Amino acid sequence: MIWQVAFFFLVLAIFFMFFKMLQMNKKFETRQQERRDFELSQRRSAMLGSKKDSDISS
């Protein structure tokens, strides 16, 4: 009986860790995507803007 309860808690802990890992991974991916979008917008504004504007933004 005791080992069944211990096994149940072990499985619960594994699922919890897996869920946390997925959450962190999703957060990390969104952060990467935001950085990529920011860099793209910076590059686009540098291309569109004059030479002075690109010097200021860099």
C-alpha atoms as a PDB file:
ATOM      1  CA  MET A   1       0.000   0.000   0.000  1.00  0.00           C
ATOM      2  CA  ILE A   2       2.757   2.448   0.964  1.00  0.00           C
ATOM      3  CA  TRP A   3       4.737   1.824  -2.227  1.00  0.00           C
ATOM      4  CA  GLN A   4       1.592   2.452  -4.290  1.00  0.00           C
ATOM      5  CA  VAL A   5       1.158   5.868  -2.687  1.00  0.00           C
ATOM      6  CA  ALA A   6       4.859   6.613  -3.183  1.00  0.00           C
ATOM      7  CA  PHE A   7       4.631   5.555  -6.838  1.00  0.00           C
ATOM      8  CA  PHE A   8       1.569   7.766  -7.327  1.00  0.00           C
ATOM      9  CA  PHE A   9       3.380  10.771  -5.897  1.00  0.00           C
ATOM     10  CA  LEU A  10       6.427  10.005  -8.038  1.00  0.00           C
ATOM     11  CA  VAL A  11       4.320   9.941 -11.213  1.00  0.00           C
ATOM     12  CA  LEU A  12       2.593  13.151 -10.108  1.00  0.00           C
ATOM     13  CA  ALA A  13       5.963  14.847  -9.576  1.00  0.00           C
ATOM     14  CA  ILE A  14       7.201  13.712 -13.006  1.00  0.00           C
ATOM     15  CA  PHE A  15       4.079  15.065 -14.696  1.00  0.00           C
ATOM     16  CA  PHE A  16       4.430  18.344 -12.792  1.00  0.00           C
ATOM     17  CA  MET A  17       8.080  18.726 -13.832  1.00  0.00           C
ATOM     18  CA  PHE A  18       7.200  17.935 -17.458  1.00  0.00           C
ATOM     19  CA  PHE A  19       4.396  20.508 -17.419  1.00  0.00           C
ATOM     20  CA  LYS A  20       6.701  23.149 -15.929  1.00  0.00           C
ATOM     21  CA  MET A  21       9.334  22.370 -18.552  1.00  0.00           C
ATOM     22  CA  LEU A  22       6.787  22.810 -21.354  1.00  0.00           C
ATOM     23  CA  GLN A  23       5.639  26.114 -19.846  1.00  0.00           C
ATOM     24  CA  MET A  24       9.208  27.403 -19.612  1.00  0.00           C
ATOM     25  CA  ASN A  25       9.903  26.267 -23.173  1.00  0.00           C
ATOM     26  CA  LYS A  26       6.828  28.087 -24.452  1.00  0.00           C
ATOM     27  CA  LYS A  27       7.842  31.254 -22.591  1.00  0.00           C
ATOM     28  CA  PHE A  28      11.359  30.993 -24.014  1.00  0.00           C
ATOM     29  CA  GLU A  29      10.025  30.529 -27.556  1.00  0.00           C
ATOM     30  CA  THR A  30       7.763  33.576 -27.307  1.00  0.00           C
ATOM     31  CA  ARG A  31      10.698  35.617 -26.002  1.00  0.00           C
ATOM     32  CA  GLN A  32      12.833  34.483 -28.947  1.00  0.00           C
ATOM     33  CA  GLN A  33      10.014  35.365 -31.348  1.00  0.00           C
ATOM     34  CA  GLU A  34       9.631  38.817 -29.798  1.00  0.00           C
ATOM     35  CA  ARG A  35      13.370  39.449 -30.142  1.00  0.00           C
ATOM     36  CA  ARG A  36      13.274  38.292 -33.765  1.00  0.00           C
ATOM     37  CA  ASP A  37      10.326  40.590 -34.527  1.00  0.00           C
ATOM     38  CA  PHE A  38      12.092  43.484 -32.806  1.00  0.00           C
ATOM     39  CA  GLU A  39      15.284  42.947 -34.825  1.00  0.00           C
ATOM     40  CA  LEU A  40      13.271  42.742 -38.046  1.00  0.00           C
ATOM     41  CA  SER A  41      11.447  45.990 -37.275  1.00  0.00           C
ATOM     42  CA  GLN A  42      14.765  47.664 -36.398  1.00  0.00           C
ATOM     43  CA  ARG A  43      16.287  46.513 -39.684  1.00  0.00           C
ATOM     44  CA  ARG A  44      13.215  47.618 -41.624  1.00  0.00           C
ATOM     45  CA  SER A  45      13.206  51.075 -40.023  1.00  0.00           C
ATOM     46  CA  ALA A  46      16.940  51.380 -40.693  1.00  0.00           C
ATOM     47  CA  MET A  47      16.356  50.522 -44.358  1.00  0.00           C
ATOM     48  CA  LEU A  48      13.425  52.914 -44.699  1.00  0.00           C
ATOM     49  CA  GLY A  49      14.906  55.749 -42.664  1.00  0.00           C
ATOM     50  CA  SER A  50      17.654  58.079 -43.770  1.00  0.00           C
ATOM     51  CA  LYS A  51      21.325  57.494 -42.935  1.00  0.00           C
ATOM     52  CA  LYS A  52      21.032  59.742 -39.882  1.00  0.00           C
ATOM     53  CA  ASP A  53      18.107  57.732 -38.479  1.00  0.00           C
ATOM     54  CA  SER A  54      19.936  54.428 -38.879  1.00  0.00           C
ATOM     55  CA  ASP A  55      22.962  55.867 -37.075  1.00  0.00           C
ATOM     56  CA  ILE A  56      20.758  56.958 -34.168  1.00  0.00           C
ATOM     57  CA  SER A  57      18.949  53.609 -33.918  1.00  0.00           C
ATOM     58  CA  SER A  58      22.188  51.592 -33.901  1.00  0.00           C
END
